[in-house]
Amino acid sequence: MTHRFRDLLALEPLTADELTFLLDQSKPFQEIQKHPLKKLATLRGKTVALAFFESSTRTRISFGTAASRLGADTMNLQAEASSLKKGESLLDTVHTLDAMKPDCLVMRHAASGAADFVARHLDIPVINAGDGTHEHPSQGLLDALTIRDRKGRIDNLNVTILGDIQHSRVARSNIHMLGKFGCRFTLCGPAMWVPRELEQIAPRASIRRVFQVEEALEDADVVVVLRVQTERLHEPALSASDYILLYQLNRERLLRAKPDAVVLHPGPMNRGVEISPEVADGPQSCVLDQVTNGIAVRMALLFLLSAGHNEEGSHPVNDVQQPRNRRATDVKDPSHASR
């Protein structure tokens, strides 16, 4: 089955079939990462606007690399140089970018829902590169692709998520993504970072919360370690030494998980606090695989949204057929489909 996406704003509204399609479309781009010559002409003549209103290194470089390897030009807007610092509104800023005629906008913003807001006012495709504490959809996809490569499947797995889940858009995207495939989740961290309402993130997914890391790791197939912001470790109720003692993923604790359990971390890692070096660099760690797969997933997203199905010529994704019917929730002009 072939699917057509106008934007990628979140994983929550997508079906398991749509998510599987996105993972499958990333596979040819995974192979390209292994080639000595990685440069393609798939998006030659296209321009991708990278609008990062929130500081980012890994995601911004990953999307920029993905665009470059597809042959696209990029225009960059970074938080520290943004006109928002001078009082310009978000909408004025993105309209200015749009006037430069990019073919796709990749956007990160500190406000939840910002990408959706912008997408409603632009005719070009918008990819959410992280919005507040809402979602980080490309991270959820690359995590799922990494798990599928290592485990051979993403269905019916036991997934433990450790750390600051309350503030994590990565956790939410992983739950929405893997929950569509029957995965069971255990959320673990300090009580103020795992509030009870998180059990209702994905109503159809099996989610429980515990506060003992040893219990959380029992029989885990996948362990996702979240980044803990340094400033939050200076809160009166929690110190770095307390976190290490109670929640750090180390070799001894990982032994409670299944022998073939895999460890993921969205980066950057706070080594020695969230995760011990022997686990971060150990055989069960998929951290570097996640980085490589991030480029493949983002190449697939840029191709599907920027090139559409009307481009001619050869490219790695050769099984895209006819666009599907538009969603009832889509509000954009259908004439944009060929952009």
Protein backbone atom coordinates (compact mmCIF):
# COMPACT_ATOMS: atom_id res chain seq x y z
CA MET A 1 0.00 0.00 0.00
CA THR A 2 1.21 3.49 -0.84
CA HIS A 3 0.59 6.52 1.35
CA ARG A 4 0.91 10.22 0.70
CA PHE A 5 1.87 12.70 3.42
CA ARG A 6 1.48 16.45 3.14
CA ASP A 7 3.25 17.19 6.44
CA LEU A 8 4.81 15.21 9.25
CA LEU A 9 3.74 16.95 12.45
CA ALA A 10 3.23 14.02 14.84
CA LEU A 11 3.09 10.24 14.97
CA GLU A 12 -0.02 10.09 17.13
CA PRO A 13 -2.55 10.46 14.25
CA LEU A 14 -0.80 7.98 11.95
CA THR A 15 -1.86 4.36 11.57
CA ALA A 16 0.37 1.33 11.94
CA ASP A 17 0.25 0.87 8.15
CA GLU A 18 1.37 4.46 7.57
CA LEU A 19 4.17 4.14 10.09
CA THR A 20 5.33 0.85 8.56
CA PHE A 21 5.32 2.53 5.15
CA LEU A 22 7.62 5.29 6.43
CA LEU A 23 10.00 2.75 7.96
CA ASP A 24 10.05 0.71 4.74
CA GLN A 25 10.73 3.80 2.66
CA SER A 26 13.76 4.51 4.84
CA LYS A 27 15.42 1.17 4.04
CA PRO A 28 16.89 2.11 0.62
CA PHE A 29 18.35 5.24 2.20
CA GLN A 30 19.96 3.09 4.90
CA GLU A 31 21.83 1.24 2.17
CA ILE A 32 23.02 4.50 0.66
CA GLN A 33 24.80 5.37 3.92
CA LYS A 34 27.09 2.39 3.32
CA HIS A 35 28.21 3.55 -0.14
CA PRO A 36 31.46 5.47 -0.69
CA LEU A 37 29.51 7.96 -2.82
CA LYS A 38 26.44 9.09 -0.89
CA LYS A 39 25.41 12.08 -2.99
CA LEU A 40 22.19 11.72 -4.99
CA ALA A 41 20.36 14.00 -7.41
CA THR A 42 16.91 13.02 -6.16
CA LEU A 43 16.05 16.53 -4.90
CA ARG A 44 18.30 18.50 -7.21
CA GLY A 45 16.74 21.93 -7.74
CA LYS A 46 14.76 21.71 -4.49
CA THR A 47 15.39 23.81 -1.39
CA VAL A 48 14.82 22.76 2.21
CA ALA A 49 14.40 25.49 4.83
CA LEU A 50 15.74 24.54 8.27
CA ALA A 51 14.07 26.79 10.84
CA PHE A 52 15.38 25.96 14.30
CA PHE A 53 13.89 28.41 16.76
CA GLU A 54 15.23 26.25 19.57
CA SER A 55 18.91 25.33 19.89
CA SER A 56 19.79 22.04 18.24
CA THR A 57 22.91 20.33 17.02
CA ARG A 58 22.21 16.69 16.17
CA THR A 59 18.76 17.05 14.62
CA ARG A 60 19.71 20.16 12.64
CA ILE A 61 22.90 18.58 11.27
CA SER A 62 21.05 15.33 10.53
CA PHE A 63 18.33 17.06 8.49
CA GLY A 64 20.94 19.22 6.77
CA THR A 65 23.00 16.16 5.87
CA ALA A 66 19.90 14.34 4.63
CA ALA A 67 19.00 17.27 2.37
CA SER A 68 22.55 17.55 1.05
CA ARG A 69 22.80 13.84 0.27
CA LEU A 70 19.57 14.10 -1.72
CA GLY A 71 21.04 16.97 -3.73
CA ALA A 72 18.86 19.70 -2.21
CA ASP A 73 19.98 23.19 -1.25
CA THR A 74 19.32 24.38 2.29
CA MET A 75 18.57 27.70 3.94
CA ASN A 76 19.22 27.90 7.67
CA LEU A 77 17.61 29.87 10.48
CA GLN A 78 18.99 29.25 13.96
CA ALA A 79 17.68 30.35 17.34
CA GLU A 80 20.55 32.63 18.23
CA ALA A 81 20.19 34.54 14.93
CA SER A 82 16.41 34.47 14.69
CA SER A 83 14.40 37.61 14.03
CA LEU A 84 12.20 36.49 16.90
CA LYS A 85 14.95 37.83 19.14
CA LYS A 86 14.19 41.24 17.62
CA GLY A 87 10.47 41.02 18.26
CA GLU A 88 9.26 39.55 14.98
CA SER A 89 6.33 37.13 15.26
CA LEU A 90 6.71 33.46 14.44
CA LEU A 91 4.24 33.77 11.59
CA ASP A 92 6.05 36.75 10.07
CA THR A 93 9.33 34.87 10.24
CA VAL A 94 8.05 31.77 8.49
CA HIS A 95 6.21 33.84 5.88
CA THR A 96 9.53 35.53 5.14
CA LEU A 97 11.16 32.13 4.71
CA ASP A 98 8.26 31.00 2.54
CA ALA A 99 8.72 34.05 0.30
CA MET A 100 12.19 32.69 -0.53
CA LYS A 101 10.35 29.75 -2.14
CA PRO A 102 11.65 26.67 -0.33
CA ASP A 103 10.03 23.34 -1.17
CA CYS A 104 9.86 22.08 2.42
CA LEU A 105 10.19 23.54 5.92
CA VAL A 106 11.84 21.62 8.77
CA MET A 107 11.02 23.33 12.03
CA ARG A 108 11.93 23.06 15.71
CA HIS A 109 10.31 25.27 18.31
CA ALA A 110 10.08 25.40 22.09
CA ALA A 111 6.29 25.77 22.03
CA SER A 112 4.15 22.65 21.75
CA GLY A 113 1.93 22.86 18.68
CA ALA A 114 4.08 25.45 16.89
CA ALA A 115 4.72 23.23 13.87
CA ASP A 116 1.02 22.51 13.46
CA PHE A 117 0.25 26.24 13.72
CA VAL A 118 2.78 27.07 11.00
CA ALA A 119 1.61 24.23 8.74
CA ARG A 120 -1.91 25.68 8.75
CA HIS A 121 -0.57 28.94 7.29
CA LEU A 122 1.82 27.59 4.63
CA ASP A 123 1.30 25.68 1.41
CA ILE A 124 4.67 23.93 1.56
CA PRO A 125 5.15 20.69 3.53
CA VAL A 126 6.22 21.09 7.15
CA ILE A 127 8.25 18.56 9.12
CA ASN A 128 8.19 18.86 12.89
CA ALA A 129 11.75 18.52 14.22
CA GLY A 130 10.53 18.80 17.81
CA ASP A 131 7.93 21.08 19.38
CA GLY A 132 8.04 21.77 23.09
CA THR A 133 7.13 18.66 25.08
CA HIS A 134 4.70 17.47 22.39
CA GLU A 135 6.47 15.22 19.85
CA HIS A 136 9.68 14.56 17.94
CA PRO A 137 8.32 12.38 15.12
CA SER A 138 11.51 11.75 13.14
CA GLN A 139 13.22 10.61 16.35
CA GLY A 140 10.37 8.18 17.02
CA LEU A 141 10.75 6.77 13.51
CA LEU A 142 14.53 6.40 13.67
CA ASP A 143 14.26 4.72 17.06
CA ALA A 144 11.72 2.24 15.68
CA LEU A 145 13.90 1.57 12.63
CA THR A 146 16.89 0.93 14.89
CA ILE A 147 14.89 -1.46 17.07
CA ARG A 148 13.54 -3.30 14.03
CA ASP A 149 17.04 -3.73 12.64
CA ARG A 150 18.40 -5.13 15.91
CA LYS A 151 15.40 -7.14 17.11
CA GLY A 152 13.89 -8.09 13.76
CA ARG A 153 10.50 -6.65 14.76
CA ILE A 154 8.84 -3.80 16.61
CA ASP A 155 5.62 -5.53 17.64
CA ASN A 156 4.73 -6.81 21.13
CA LEU A 157 7.95 -5.72 22.81
CA ASN A 158 8.50 -4.70 26.43
CA VAL A 159 9.83 -1.14 26.36
CA THR A 160 11.24 0.59 29.42
CA ILE A 161 11.68 4.38 29.32
CA LEU A 162 13.96 5.85 32.00
CA GLY A 163 14.41 9.44 33.07
CA ASP A 164 12.63 12.76 32.66
CA ILE A 165 9.54 11.55 30.83
CA GLN A 166 7.43 14.53 31.89
CA HIS A 167 9.43 16.92 29.69
CA SER A 168 10.35 14.48 26.92
CA ARG A 169 8.88 14.80 23.43
CA VAL A 170 11.01 11.77 22.48
CA ALA A 171 9.18 9.62 25.02
CA ARG A 172 5.82 10.71 23.66
CA SER A 173 6.74 9.96 20.06
CA ASN A 174 8.16 6.56 21.03
CA ILE A 175 4.97 5.69 22.90
CA HIS A 176 2.75 6.79 20.00
CA MET A 177 4.97 4.97 17.50
CA LEU A 178 5.55 1.65 19.26
CA GLY A 179 2.15 1.63 20.93
CA LYS A 180 0.55 1.15 17.50
CA PHE A 181 2.36 -2.20 17.31
CA GLY A 182 1.23 -3.62 20.64
CA CYS A 183 4.32 -2.75 22.66
CA ARG A 184 4.02 -2.57 26.45
CA PHE A 185 5.64 0.36 28.27
CA THR A 186 7.13 0.79 31.69
CA LEU A 187 7.85 4.41 32.62
CA CYS A 188 10.41 4.94 35.36
CA GLY A 189 12.04 7.97 36.94
CA PRO A 190 11.68 10.36 39.86
CA ALA A 191 8.02 10.75 40.78
CA MET A 192 7.78 14.38 39.62
CA TRP A 193 9.01 13.34 36.16
CA VAL A 194 6.53 10.48 35.75
CA PRO A 195 3.10 11.94 36.62
CA ARG A 196 0.09 9.66 36.53
CA GLU A 197 -1.47 11.38 33.51
CA LEU A 198 1.36 10.02 31.37
CA GLU A 199 -0.34 6.63 31.61
CA GLN A 200 -3.02 8.11 29.36
CA ILE A 201 -0.67 9.35 26.59
CA ALA A 202 -1.78 6.57 24.27
CA PRO A 203 -5.08 5.08 25.52
CA ARG A 204 -4.74 1.88 23.47
CA ALA A 205 -1.17 1.18 24.62
CA SER A 206 -0.31 -0.74 27.77
CA ILE A 207 1.51 1.73 30.01
CA ARG A 208 2.52 1.46 33.64
CA ARG A 209 4.76 3.57 35.83
CA VAL A 210 7.11 2.41 38.54
CA PHE A 211 9.72 4.17 40.65
CA GLN A 212 12.22 1.36 41.18
CA VAL A 213 14.57 1.02 38.22
CA GLU A 214 15.26 -2.64 38.99
CA GLU A 215 11.55 -3.43 38.67
CA ALA A 216 11.28 -1.37 35.50
CA LEU A 217 14.04 -3.33 33.77
CA GLU A 218 12.66 -6.82 34.45
CA ASP A 219 12.22 -8.63 31.10
CA ALA A 220 12.70 -5.45 29.04
CA ASP A 221 13.35 -5.93 25.33
CA VAL A 222 14.17 -2.26 24.76
CA VAL A 223 15.50 0.33 27.19
CA VAL A 224 15.21 4.00 26.20
CA VAL A 225 17.33 6.29 28.35
CA LEU A 226 16.25 9.93 28.21
CA ARG A 227 18.44 12.97 28.54
CA VAL A 228 18.21 14.65 31.93
CA GLN A 229 18.75 18.41 31.74
CA THR A 230 21.56 19.44 34.04
CA GLU A 231 19.57 22.30 35.56
CA ARG A 232 16.88 19.88 36.73
CA LEU A 233 19.48 17.98 38.75
CA HIS A 234 19.89 21.06 40.94
CA GLU A 235 16.29 21.04 42.10
CA PRO A 236 15.93 20.81 45.90
CA ALA A 237 14.33 17.37 45.70
CA LEU A 238 16.97 15.81 43.45
CA SER A 239 20.74 15.92 43.01
CA ALA A 240 22.99 14.33 40.42
CA SER A 241 24.31 11.89 43.02
CA ASP A 242 20.75 10.90 43.96
CA TYR A 243 19.86 10.31 40.32
CA ILE A 244 22.96 8.17 39.78
CA LEU A 245 22.20 6.12 42.87
CA LEU A 246 18.54 5.54 42.03
CA TYR A 247 18.11 5.68 38.27
CA GLN A 248 21.35 5.49 36.30
CA LEU A 249 21.40 2.66 33.76
CA ASN A 250 24.57 0.72 34.53
CA ARG A 251 25.86 -2.75 33.75
CA GLU A 252 24.48 -4.36 36.90
CA ARG A 253 20.99 -3.00 36.34
CA LEU A 254 20.96 -3.88 32.65
CA LEU A 255 21.44 -7.54 33.62
CA ARG A 256 17.81 -7.51 34.79
CA ALA A 257 16.64 -6.94 31.22
CA LYS A 258 16.56 -9.68 28.61
CA PRO A 259 20.00 -10.79 27.37
CA ASP A 260 19.27 -9.42 23.90
CA ALA A 261 17.74 -6.15 25.13
CA VAL A 262 18.84 -3.06 23.22
CA VAL A 263 19.65 0.33 24.71
CA LEU A 264 18.69 3.60 23.01
CA HIS A 265 19.49 7.21 23.86
CA PRO A 266 18.40 10.23 21.78
CA GLY A 267 21.56 12.17 22.69
CA PRO A 268 23.43 14.07 23.72
CA MET A 269 24.29 11.70 26.55
CA ASN A 270 25.08 12.90 30.03
CA ARG A 271 27.62 10.15 30.63
CA GLY A 272 28.10 9.04 34.17
CA VAL A 273 24.70 10.39 35.21
CA GLU A 274 21.92 9.00 33.00
CA ILE A 275 23.97 6.10 31.70
CA SER A 276 27.29 4.53 32.59
CA PRO A 277 30.10 4.46 30.00
CA GLU A 278 30.23 0.65 29.90
CA VAL A 279 26.56 0.55 28.86
CA ALA A 280 26.76 3.53 26.50
CA ASP A 281 29.67 1.90 24.64
CA GLY A 282 28.64 -1.72 25.20
CA PRO A 283 27.37 -4.31 22.73
CA GLN A 284 23.71 -3.65 23.56
CA SER A 285 23.98 0.07 22.84
CA CYS A 286 22.36 1.32 19.62
CA VAL A 287 23.30 4.98 20.09
CA LEU A 288 25.49 5.30 17.00
CA ASP A 289 23.06 3.22 14.93
CA GLN A 290 20.38 5.75 15.87
CA VAL A 291 22.50 8.59 14.49
CA THR A 292 23.11 6.80 11.19
CA ASN A 293 19.48 5.74 10.87
CA GLY A 294 18.40 9.31 11.59
CA ILE A 295 19.89 10.42 8.28
CA ALA A 296 18.13 7.60 6.41
CA VAL A 297 14.74 8.37 7.98
CA ARG A 298 15.10 12.09 7.30
CA MET A 299 16.16 11.45 3.71
CA ALA A 300 13.00 9.40 3.26
CA LEU A 301 10.83 12.12 4.80
CA LEU A 302 12.35 14.88 2.70
CA PHE A 303 11.98 12.78 -0.43
CA LEU A 304 8.37 11.85 0.22
CA LEU A 305 7.28 15.37 1.16
CA SER A 306 9.45 17.46 -1.17
CA ALA A 307 9.54 15.33 -4.32
CA GLY A 308 6.09 13.80 -4.00
CA HIS A 309 5.12 11.17 -6.55
CA ASN A 310 5.26 13.31 -9.65
CA GLU A 311 9.05 13.53 -9.96
CA GLU A 312 10.62 11.75 -12.89
CA GLY A 313 14.04 10.15 -13.03
CA SER A 314 15.79 7.51 -10.97
CA HIS A 315 15.99 7.57 -7.21
CA PRO A 316 16.42 4.96 -4.45
CA VAL A 317 12.72 4.76 -3.62
CA ASN A 318 11.22 3.18 -6.69
CA ASP A 319 8.00 1.62 -5.42
CA VAL A 320 5.95 4.77 -4.82
CA GLN A 321 2.82 4.54 -6.95
CA GLN A 322 -0.28 6.69 -6.73
CA PRO A 323 -1.03 9.25 -4.00
CA ARG A 324 -3.70 8.22 -1.53
CA ASN A 325 -6.80 10.29 -0.90
CA ARG A 326 -6.28 13.35 1.26
CA ARG A 327 -7.22 13.22 4.91
CA ALA A 328 -10.43 14.85 5.97
CA THR A 329 -8.35 16.94 8.38
CA ASP A 330 -6.10 18.33 5.64
CA VAL A 331 -6.94 21.95 4.94
CA LYS A 332 -4.38 22.77 2.28
CA ASP A 333 -4.99 23.53 -1.36
CA PRO A 334 -4.73 20.26 -3.32
CA SER A 335 -2.94 22.15 -6.07
CA HIS A 336 0.14 22.08 -3.86
CA ALA A 337 0.46 18.31 -4.30
CA SER A 338 2.78 18.71 -7.27
CA ARG A 339 5.13 21.21 -5.64
